[in-house]
Amino acid sequence: MTETTHLQTTPPGSGAKQRSPEYRVAVDSLRGLRQDLIHDAFAYRPLPGRRTDGRFARRLPGRLREYAAWTPHALIVAAALITVAFATVDSGGPAVLMGLFCAVPVLLTMVRPVGAFWASMVSTPLVAVVGSRWFEWPWAAGSFVCHLTVLTVVAMRTRPRTAGWMWVLTALYAIIADTGIGPRDMYGSNSGPMLIISALILLCVTVRHIRRDAVQEVTAQQTVTAHERSRRTLLEERTTIARELHDVVAHHMSVVAIQAEAAPYRVENPPPELEKAFATIRENAVAALTELRRVLGVVRAEDYEVPDAPQPTLAELDGLLANVRDAGLSVDKVVTGAVRELPQGVELSAYRIVQEALSNSLRHAPGATARVEIGYVLGGLGLRIVNGPPPNPSLIKPSPGAGHGVTGMRERVSMLNGEMTAGRTDDGGYEVAVFLPVALPDEGDA
């Protein structure tokens, strides 16, 4: 017996009515209009004061600087008085009523900007009808100035899309007023000048909005980039320090493993407990060395090559100073205290700090004189690298560096629980002072 299965396929989207792209664009546009100009149209949005830390406001005395914060409000009040003047001079209706119709929308922009636009749209036909000046249709002189002022202020206080909707509604009113409700005996229409002037003003305001948003976005991106670059530099410096210290730690661990393996053969008939103890020491040393190399493999770059020569110490500082002198920097070295052997990690970090400080002197103060002071003090090592001002500051080109050398020095000092200060000197030079603590040997080991 054969079983037949019937599959019924339904075209995708047949359950819901398909909408054309034009319909979706129209719906989205109406939704934007409702969101920008209808929803919460009369919401209370007071005009904020002007910042008093700008280039011009900072130069004003203290009292005037406080008044400068009210500059936007004063300009709007002045614009309202100008609209009153245009509305009342040679008007065809009650001067007080005409001035009130034209001034209220302008003043309303300070507290309810979107509502001020609708107030201007309502007052425009009222002023035209009350004024009985049919040759000023559909905008009387006061309404003309009022509406342009309202469009400008509202566009500056809202987003560019709102400015576009306001211009569209203004054009729609102009078309209706000229073709539908305009008087038969009117001498002409001033809709053309209104639309052209308002379009230019709104275009300028929109460009200003776009430029301001672009500047803010670039500033935010630069801040994020600088932060990420600082973090990346910090990680690179720590990776470099880990690579360098690997050789130092690996050498000591290798010595421990070799001595632990050879120690039983130096003692005649060693007890089994001693042989077991040395074997345990060797196994732990080898295991630690293996883990150290495994960790270093995580932070090591693919193109990193292990150096053949051992890591430098302060004993090789004279060679570094000779290279610096050949590069054009006059440098002197002063050593105070009893020179003694320090842990290799301290020696390496001290050498790298002096190297980086002199490199910064070559980069930022070419031709200057420098001085390296090394102090072997009780409980640690003191370093001071100072350079004088460059002889020709005008000839120095800006360095592409971003202060990463100082970051690396601070990382090395922090790793050794030391202290560091870096900054300019009174004569225009630069000084780096470092103290690296070194544990004192026990009296029994002395």
Protein backbone atom coordinates (compact mmCIF):
# COMPACT_ATOMS: atom_id res chain seq x y z
CA MET A 1 0.00 0.00 0.00
CA THR A 2 1.33 3.32 -1.00
CA GLU A 3 0.89 6.31 1.31
CA THR A 4 0.66 9.67 -0.37
CA THR A 5 1.49 12.87 1.49
CA HIS A 6 0.17 16.17 0.21
CA LEU A 7 2.17 19.28 1.11
CA GLN A 8 0.46 22.62 0.88
CA THR A 9 2.77 25.61 0.55
CA THR A 10 1.71 29.11 1.41
CA PRO A 11 3.40 32.03 -0.26
CA PRO A 12 5.42 34.01 2.27
CA GLY A 13 3.64 37.06 3.53
CA SER A 14 0.23 36.03 2.18
CA GLY A 15 -1.30 36.24 5.65
CA ALA A 16 -0.54 39.95 5.91
CA LYS A 17 -1.23 42.59 3.34
CA GLN A 18 1.87 43.66 1.49
CA ARG A 19 2.75 47.34 1.69
CA SER A 20 4.60 49.18 -1.03
CA PRO A 21 7.82 51.06 -0.29
CA GLU A 22 6.07 54.35 -1.05
CA TYR A 23 3.41 53.59 1.53
CA ARG A 24 6.03 52.81 4.17
CA VAL A 25 7.87 56.05 3.38
CA ALA A 26 4.65 58.02 3.74
CA VAL A 27 3.79 56.34 7.04
CA ASP A 28 7.28 56.94 8.41
CA SER A 29 7.09 60.57 7.35
CA LEU A 30 3.76 61.11 9.08
CA ARG A 31 5.10 59.35 12.14
CA GLY A 32 8.09 61.74 12.15
CA LEU A 33 5.77 64.73 11.78
CA ARG A 34 3.70 63.58 14.72
CA GLN A 35 6.77 62.94 16.84
CA ASP A 36 8.42 66.29 16.06
CA LEU A 37 5.56 68.77 15.93
CA ILE A 38 2.44 67.18 17.45
CA HIS A 39 3.45 64.91 20.31
CA ASP A 40 4.12 67.06 23.42
CA ALA A 41 3.99 70.16 21.26
CA PHE A 42 3.51 72.41 24.27
CA ALA A 43 5.95 70.63 26.58
CA TYR A 44 7.87 72.89 28.93
CA ARG A 45 11.44 73.18 27.65
CA PRO A 46 13.10 76.28 29.11
CA LEU A 47 15.90 77.87 27.15
CA PRO A 48 19.25 77.15 28.84
CA GLY A 49 21.65 79.95 29.60
CA ARG A 50 24.76 80.65 27.61
CA ARG A 51 28.02 79.10 28.73
CA THR A 52 30.30 81.52 30.56
CA ASP A 53 33.57 79.71 29.85
CA GLY A 54 33.85 80.67 26.19
CA ARG A 55 36.55 82.75 24.58
CA PHE A 56 34.71 86.04 24.92
CA ALA A 57 32.80 85.42 28.16
CA ARG A 58 35.99 84.57 30.04
CA ARG A 59 37.35 88.05 29.35
CA LEU A 60 34.39 89.79 30.98
CA PRO A 61 34.41 90.90 34.64
CA GLY A 62 32.69 88.67 37.15
CA ARG A 63 29.36 90.52 37.24
CA LEU A 64 29.10 90.90 33.49
CA ARG A 65 30.01 87.26 33.05
CA GLU A 66 26.95 86.27 35.07
CA TYR A 67 24.76 88.51 32.92
CA ALA A 68 26.30 87.00 29.77
CA ALA A 69 24.51 83.74 30.55
CA TRP A 70 21.21 85.51 29.76
CA THR A 71 22.32 86.67 26.32
CA PRO A 72 20.01 84.26 24.36
CA HIS A 73 17.00 85.38 26.38
CA ALA A 74 17.86 89.05 25.82
CA LEU A 75 18.16 88.50 22.06
CA ILE A 76 14.76 86.83 21.91
CA VAL A 77 13.16 89.67 23.88
CA ALA A 78 14.78 92.18 21.51
CA ALA A 79 13.43 90.23 18.53
CA ALA A 80 9.96 90.30 20.10
CA LEU A 81 10.15 94.10 20.45
CA ILE A 82 11.18 94.38 16.80
CA THR A 83 8.17 92.33 15.72
CA VAL A 84 5.94 94.60 17.80
CA ALA A 85 7.41 97.62 16.05
CA PHE A 86 6.74 96.13 12.62
CA ALA A 87 3.22 95.11 13.65
CA THR A 88 2.15 98.47 15.10
CA VAL A 89 3.74 100.93 12.69
CA ASP A 90 1.19 101.92 10.04
CA SER A 91 -1.07 99.00 10.87
CA GLY A 92 -4.65 98.73 9.78
CA GLY A 93 -5.96 97.37 13.09
CA PRO A 94 -5.64 97.79 16.88
CA ALA A 95 -1.96 98.33 17.56
CA VAL A 96 -1.96 96.60 20.95
CA LEU A 97 -3.71 93.51 19.62
CA MET A 98 -1.47 93.34 16.57
CA GLY A 99 1.69 93.64 18.70
CA LEU A 100 0.42 90.97 21.10
CA PHE A 101 -0.30 88.51 18.30
CA CYS A 102 3.24 88.97 16.92
CA ALA A 103 5.21 89.10 20.18
CA VAL A 104 3.70 86.13 22.04
CA PRO A 105 5.00 83.42 19.62
CA VAL A 106 8.50 84.88 19.74
CA LEU A 107 8.54 84.99 23.55
CA LEU A 108 7.05 81.51 23.69
CA THR A 109 10.19 80.06 22.03
CA MET A 110 12.00 80.46 25.35
CA VAL A 111 9.78 77.96 27.18
CA ARG A 112 7.75 75.95 24.62
CA PRO A 113 9.57 76.01 21.27
CA VAL A 114 7.33 73.67 19.25
CA GLY A 115 4.23 75.34 20.66
CA ALA A 116 5.66 78.68 19.57
CA PHE A 117 5.65 77.49 15.96
CA TRP A 118 1.97 76.57 16.13
CA ALA A 119 1.22 79.89 17.83
CA SER A 120 2.93 81.69 14.97
CA MET A 121 0.95 79.70 12.41
CA VAL A 122 -2.29 80.63 14.19
CA SER A 123 -1.43 84.31 14.69
CA THR A 124 -0.47 84.82 11.04
CA PRO A 125 -4.02 84.71 9.57
CA LEU A 126 -5.41 86.57 12.59
CA VAL A 127 -3.02 89.47 12.10
CA ALA A 128 -3.74 89.48 8.37
CA VAL A 129 -7.51 89.62 8.98
CA VAL A 130 -7.47 92.10 11.87
CA GLY A 131 -4.99 94.34 10.13
CA SER A 132 -7.08 94.56 6.96
CA ARG A 133 -3.92 95.10 4.89
CA TRP A 134 -4.72 92.91 1.90
CA PHE A 135 -1.59 93.95 0.05
CA GLU A 136 0.40 92.20 2.81
CA TRP A 137 -0.97 88.72 2.26
CA PRO A 138 -0.67 86.14 3.71
CA TRP A 139 2.00 87.56 6.07
CA ALA A 140 1.68 91.04 7.45
CA ALA A 141 4.90 92.90 8.26
CA GLY A 142 4.85 91.92 11.93
CA SER A 143 3.85 88.33 11.19
CA PHE A 144 6.60 88.09 8.56
CA VAL A 145 9.29 89.01 11.09
CA CYS A 146 7.61 86.95 13.81
CA HIS A 147 7.44 83.77 11.77
CA LEU A 148 11.04 84.03 10.56
CA THR A 149 12.22 84.58 14.12
CA VAL A 150 10.21 81.63 15.43
CA LEU A 151 11.47 79.34 12.67
CA THR A 152 15.06 80.29 13.42
CA VAL A 153 14.88 79.86 17.20
CA VAL A 154 12.86 76.63 17.08
CA ALA A 155 15.20 75.15 14.46
CA MET A 156 18.20 75.98 16.66
CA ARG A 157 16.53 74.34 19.67
CA THR A 158 15.38 71.18 17.88
CA ARG A 159 16.83 68.76 15.37
CA PRO A 160 17.17 69.27 11.60
CA ARG A 161 14.16 67.08 10.76
CA THR A 162 11.91 69.42 12.75
CA ALA A 163 13.17 72.37 10.71
CA GLY A 164 12.21 70.55 7.52
CA TRP A 165 8.69 69.85 8.76
CA MET A 166 8.20 73.47 9.82
CA TRP A 167 9.17 74.66 6.35
CA VAL A 168 6.83 72.15 4.70
CA LEU A 169 3.89 73.30 6.82
CA THR A 170 4.77 76.93 6.13
CA ALA A 171 4.78 76.25 2.40
CA LEU A 172 1.49 74.35 2.68
CA TYR A 173 -0.12 77.30 4.47
CA ALA A 174 1.22 79.68 1.83
CA ILE A 175 -0.27 77.61 -0.98
CA ILE A 176 -3.66 77.37 0.74
CA ALA A 177 -3.68 81.06 1.63
CA ASP A 178 -2.81 82.14 -1.92
CA THR A 179 -5.17 79.81 -3.76
CA GLY A 180 -8.04 79.17 -1.37
CA ILE A 181 -8.64 81.85 1.23
CA GLY A 182 -6.82 84.82 -0.26
CA PRO A 183 -8.86 87.98 -0.96
CA ARG A 184 -9.93 88.67 -4.52
CA ASP A 185 -8.57 92.20 -4.54
CA MET A 186 -5.10 91.52 -3.12
CA TYR A 187 -2.24 93.19 -4.94
CA GLY A 188 0.20 90.31 -4.60
CA SER A 189 1.53 87.62 -2.33
CA ASN A 190 4.63 87.64 -0.17
CA SER A 191 4.73 83.85 0.12
CA GLY A 192 7.66 83.62 -2.27
CA PRO A 193 9.99 85.84 -0.17
CA MET A 194 8.88 84.05 3.00
CA LEU A 195 9.64 80.60 1.61
CA ILE A 196 12.97 81.60 0.10
CA ILE A 197 14.25 83.48 3.14
CA SER A 198 13.03 80.83 5.57
CA ALA A 199 14.61 78.06 3.48
CA LEU A 200 17.97 79.83 3.55
CA ILE A 201 17.77 80.43 7.28
CA LEU A 202 16.75 76.86 8.06
CA LEU A 203 19.47 75.54 5.76
CA CYS A 204 22.10 77.54 7.65
CA VAL A 205 20.76 76.32 11.00
CA THR A 206 20.71 72.72 9.76
CA VAL A 207 24.30 72.96 8.56
CA ARG A 208 25.24 74.35 11.95
CA HIS A 209 23.52 71.40 13.65
CA ILE A 210 25.27 68.89 11.41
CA ARG A 211 28.65 70.52 11.95
CA ARG A 212 28.19 70.63 15.72
CA ASP A 213 27.16 66.98 15.83
CA ALA A 214 30.12 66.04 13.63
CA VAL A 215 32.52 67.92 15.90
CA GLN A 216 31.07 66.21 18.98
CA GLU A 217 31.31 62.81 17.32
CA VAL A 218 34.90 63.41 16.23
CA THR A 219 35.82 64.63 19.71
CA ALA A 220 34.25 61.58 21.30
CA GLN A 221 35.99 59.30 18.81
CA GLN A 222 39.33 61.00 19.45
CA THR A 223 38.84 60.54 23.17
CA VAL A 224 38.06 56.85 22.72
CA THR A 225 41.00 56.45 20.35
CA ALA A 226 43.39 58.15 22.76
CA HIS A 227 42.13 55.94 25.58
CA GLU A 228 42.51 52.79 23.51
CA ARG A 229 45.96 53.88 22.33
CA SER A 230 46.99 54.48 25.93
CA ARG A 231 45.73 51.04 26.93
CA ARG A 232 47.46 49.41 23.99
CA THR A 233 50.71 51.19 24.79
CA LEU A 234 50.46 50.08 28.40
CA LEU A 235 49.97 46.48 27.34
CA GLU A 236 52.89 46.71 24.91
CA GLU A 237 55.15 48.09 27.63
CA ARG A 238 54.14 45.33 30.02
CA THR A 239 54.75 42.75 27.31
CA THR A 240 58.20 44.18 26.66
CA ILE A 241 59.02 44.08 30.36
CA ALA A 242 57.81 40.47 30.56
CA ARG A 243 60.01 39.47 27.64
CA GLU A 244 63.09 41.09 29.14
CA LEU A 245 62.56 39.72 32.62
CA HIS A 246 62.08 36.24 31.20
CA ASP A 247 65.78 35.97 30.51
CA VAL A 248 66.65 37.10 34.03
CA VAL A 249 64.21 34.75 35.80
CA ALA A 250 64.94 31.84 33.45
CA HIS A 251 68.66 32.15 34.16
CA HIS A 252 68.11 31.95 37.91
CA MET A 253 65.70 29.03 37.61
CA SER A 254 68.15 27.17 35.36
CA VAL A 255 70.95 27.71 37.89
CA VAL A 256 68.72 26.39 40.69
CA ALA A 257 67.86 23.27 38.68
CA ILE A 258 71.50 22.56 37.78
CA GLN A 259 72.77 23.08 41.33
CA ALA A 260 70.02 20.91 42.78
CA GLU A 261 70.92 18.12 40.36
CA ALA A 262 74.65 18.36 41.09
CA ALA A 263 74.43 18.83 44.86
CA PRO A 264 74.05 15.12 45.80
CA TYR A 265 77.28 14.28 43.98
CA ARG A 266 79.23 16.77 46.06
CA VAL A 267 78.42 14.99 49.30
CA GLU A 268 79.83 11.57 50.09
CA ASN A 269 77.13 9.03 50.86
CA PRO A 270 74.25 11.53 51.07
CA PRO A 271 71.20 10.34 53.02
CA PRO A 272 68.13 9.38 50.95
CA GLU A 273 66.14 12.24 52.46
CA LEU A 274 68.68 14.75 51.15
CA GLU A 275 68.68 13.21 47.67
CA LYS A 276 64.89 13.29 47.63
CA ALA A 277 64.87 16.94 48.73
CA PHE A 278 67.28 17.98 45.99
CA ALA A 279 65.29 16.00 43.43
CA THR A 280 62.13 17.79 44.51
CA ILE A 281 63.89 21.16 44.23
CA ARG A 282 65.06 20.34 40.72
CA GLU A 283 61.60 19.15 39.64
CA ASN A 284 59.96 22.32 40.96
CA ALA A 285 62.56 24.51 39.27
CA VAL A 286 62.11 22.76 35.93
CA ALA A 287 58.31 22.95 36.26
CA ALA A 288 58.48 26.68 37.09
CA LEU A 289 60.77 27.27 34.12
CA THR A 290 58.35 25.41 31.83
CA GLU A 291 55.37 27.43 33.06
CA LEU A 292 57.34 30.65 32.68
CA ARG A 293 58.11 29.90 29.05
CA ARG A 294 54.48 28.93 28.45
CA VAL A 295 53.23 32.24 29.87
CA LEU A 296 55.77 34.19 27.88
CA GLY A 297 54.55 32.46 24.73
CA VAL A 298 51.14 34.04 25.28
CA VAL A 299 52.45 37.62 25.42
CA ARG A 300 55.18 37.15 22.84
CA ALA A 301 54.55 38.42 19.32
CA GLU A 302 54.80 36.02 16.43
CA ASP A 303 57.82 37.80 14.98
CA TYR A 304 59.62 38.11 18.31
CA GLU A 305 63.06 36.59 18.46
CA VAL A 306 64.76 35.76 21.71
CA PRO A 307 67.91 37.91 22.05
CA ASP A 308 71.22 36.08 21.96
CA ALA A 309 73.01 38.50 24.31
CA PRO A 310 72.07 38.77 28.00
CA GLN A 311 69.93 41.67 29.17
CA PRO A 312 71.91 44.86 29.88
CA THR A 313 72.79 46.12 33.34
CA LEU A 314 74.20 49.33 34.81
CA ALA A 315 77.71 47.99 34.17
CA GLU A 316 77.06 48.59 30.45
CA LEU A 317 75.81 52.15 30.94
CA ASP A 318 79.04 53.72 29.68
CA GLY A 319 78.46 52.20 26.24
CA LEU A 320 74.97 53.67 26.16
CA LEU A 321 76.27 57.12 27.10
CA ALA A 322 78.91 56.91 24.37
CA ASN A 323 76.22 56.21 21.77
CA VAL A 324 74.16 59.13 23.05
CA ARG A 325 77.14 61.47 22.81
CA ASP A 326 77.73 60.34 19.22
CA ALA A 327 74.10 61.27 18.48
CA GLY A 328 74.75 64.87 19.57
CA LEU A 329 73.70 64.98 23.23
CA SER A 330 76.33 66.07 25.74
CA VAL A 331 75.78 63.88 28.79
CA ASP A 332 77.70 63.41 32.05
CA LYS A 333 77.44 60.60 34.58
CA VAL A 334 77.79 60.98 38.32
CA VAL A 335 77.83 57.97 40.66
CA THR A 336 77.49 58.38 44.41
CA GLY A 337 77.60 55.76 47.13
CA ALA A 338 79.27 52.39 47.22
CA VAL A 339 78.72 50.56 43.94
CA ARG A 340 77.33 47.11 44.62
CA GLU A 341 75.67 44.33 42.71
CA LEU A 342 71.89 44.66 42.59
CA PRO A 343 69.23 42.13 41.55
CA GLN A 344 69.24 41.69 37.81
CA GLY A 345 65.62 42.90 37.54
CA VAL A 346 66.57 46.19 39.19
CA GLU A 347 69.70 46.52 37.05
CA LEU A 348 67.72 45.92 33.87
CA SER A 349 64.94 48.35 34.79
CA ALA A 350 67.45 51.04 35.80
CA TYR A 351 69.28 50.67 32.50
CA ARG A 352 66.04 50.88 30.47
CA ILE A 353 64.87 53.95 32.41
CA VAL A 354 68.12 55.80 31.72
CA GLN A 355 67.97 54.70 28.08
CA GLU A 356 64.39 55.95 27.61
CA ALA A 357 65.04 59.24 29.42
CA LEU A 358 68.07 60.00 27.24
CA SER A 359 66.09 59.05 24.12
CA ASN A 360 63.43 61.58 25.11
CA SER A 361 66.16 64.20 25.59
CA LEU A 362 67.47 63.52 22.09
CA ARG A 363 63.98 63.73 20.65
CA HIS A 364 62.66 66.80 22.45
CA ALA A 365 65.83 68.75 23.30
CA PRO A 366 68.43 68.15 20.59
CA GLY A 367 71.74 69.87 21.26
CA ALA A 368 71.04 70.25 24.98
CA THR A 369 73.19 68.99 27.85
CA ALA A 370 72.13 66.10 30.06
CA ARG A 371 73.22 64.63 33.35
CA VAL A 372 72.76 61.11 34.72
CA GLU A 373 73.06 60.70 38.47
CA ILE A 374 73.15 57.23 40.04
CA GLY A 375 73.00 56.94 43.81
CA TYR A 376 73.60 53.70 45.65
CA VAL A 377 71.83 54.40 48.91
CA LEU A 378 70.80 52.29 51.85
CA GLY A 379 67.76 50.32 50.85
CA GLY A 380 67.67 51.06 47.15
CA LEU A 381 68.95 52.77 44.03
CA GLY A 382 68.32 56.38 43.10
CA LEU A 383 68.30 57.68 39.51
CA ARG A 384 68.07 61.23 38.25
CA ILE A 385 68.20 62.09 34.56
CA VAL A 386 67.91 65.79 33.78
CA ASN A 387 68.49 67.74 30.58
CA GLY A 388 68.65 71.47 29.97
CA PRO A 389 66.55 73.47 27.53
CA PRO A 390 67.27 73.09 23.82
CA PRO A 391 69.54 75.82 22.41
CA ASN A 392 67.18 76.53 19.47
CA PRO A 393 63.58 75.83 20.52
CA SER A 394 62.18 77.30 17.29
CA LEU A 395 63.91 74.64 15.21
CA ILE A 396 62.37 71.71 17.09
CA LYS A 397 59.66 69.92 15.16
CA PRO A 398 56.74 68.36 17.04
CA SER A 399 57.50 64.78 17.94
CA PRO A 400 55.11 62.09 16.71
CA GLY A 401 55.36 60.37 20.06
CA ALA A 402 52.52 60.47 22.56
CA GLY A 403 54.39 60.20 25.85
CA HIS A 404 54.68 56.41 25.69
CA GLY A 405 58.27 56.49 26.98
CA VAL A 406 57.20 57.97 30.29
CA THR A 407 54.45 55.33 30.49
CA GLY A 408 57.01 52.57 30.07
CA MET A 409 59.24 54.04 32.76
CA ARG A 410 56.34 54.28 35.19
CA GLU A 411 55.44 50.65 34.51
CA ARG A 412 58.95 49.49 35.34
CA VAL A 413 59.04 51.56 38.51
CA SER A 414 55.60 50.35 39.56
CA MET A 415 56.63 46.74 38.98
CA LEU A 416 59.46 47.17 41.50
CA ASN A 417 57.29 49.12 44.00
CA GLY A 418 59.38 52.22 43.40
CA GLU A 419 58.64 55.91 43.08
CA MET A 420 59.02 58.21 40.09
CA THR A 421 58.49 61.87 39.26
CA ALA A 422 58.81 63.44 35.83
CA GLY A 423 58.26 67.02 34.74
CA ARG A 424 59.76 70.21 33.43
CA THR A 425 62.36 72.15 35.34
CA ASP A 426 62.37 75.89 36.03
CA ASP A 427 64.89 76.59 33.26
CA GLY A 428 62.81 74.83 30.58
CA GLY A 429 64.48 71.43 30.75
CA TYR A 430 63.11 68.08 31.84
CA GLU A 431 63.84 65.90 34.85
CA VAL A 432 63.14 62.26 35.67
CA ALA A 433 63.75 61.13 39.25
CA VAL A 434 63.37 57.47 40.25
CA PHE A 435 63.91 55.45 43.40
CA LEU A 436 63.99 51.66 43.15
CA PRO A 437 63.87 49.88 46.51
CA VAL A 438 66.21 46.95 47.09
CA ALA A 439 65.72 44.63 50.05
CA LEU A 440 68.63 44.63 52.46
CA PRO A 441 70.36 41.28 53.02
CA ASP A 442 69.85 39.63 56.39
CA GLU A 443 72.60 39.98 58.91
CA GLY A 444 73.13 36.23 58.90
CA ASP A 445 73.71 36.28 55.14
CA ALA A 446 76.19 39.17 55.27
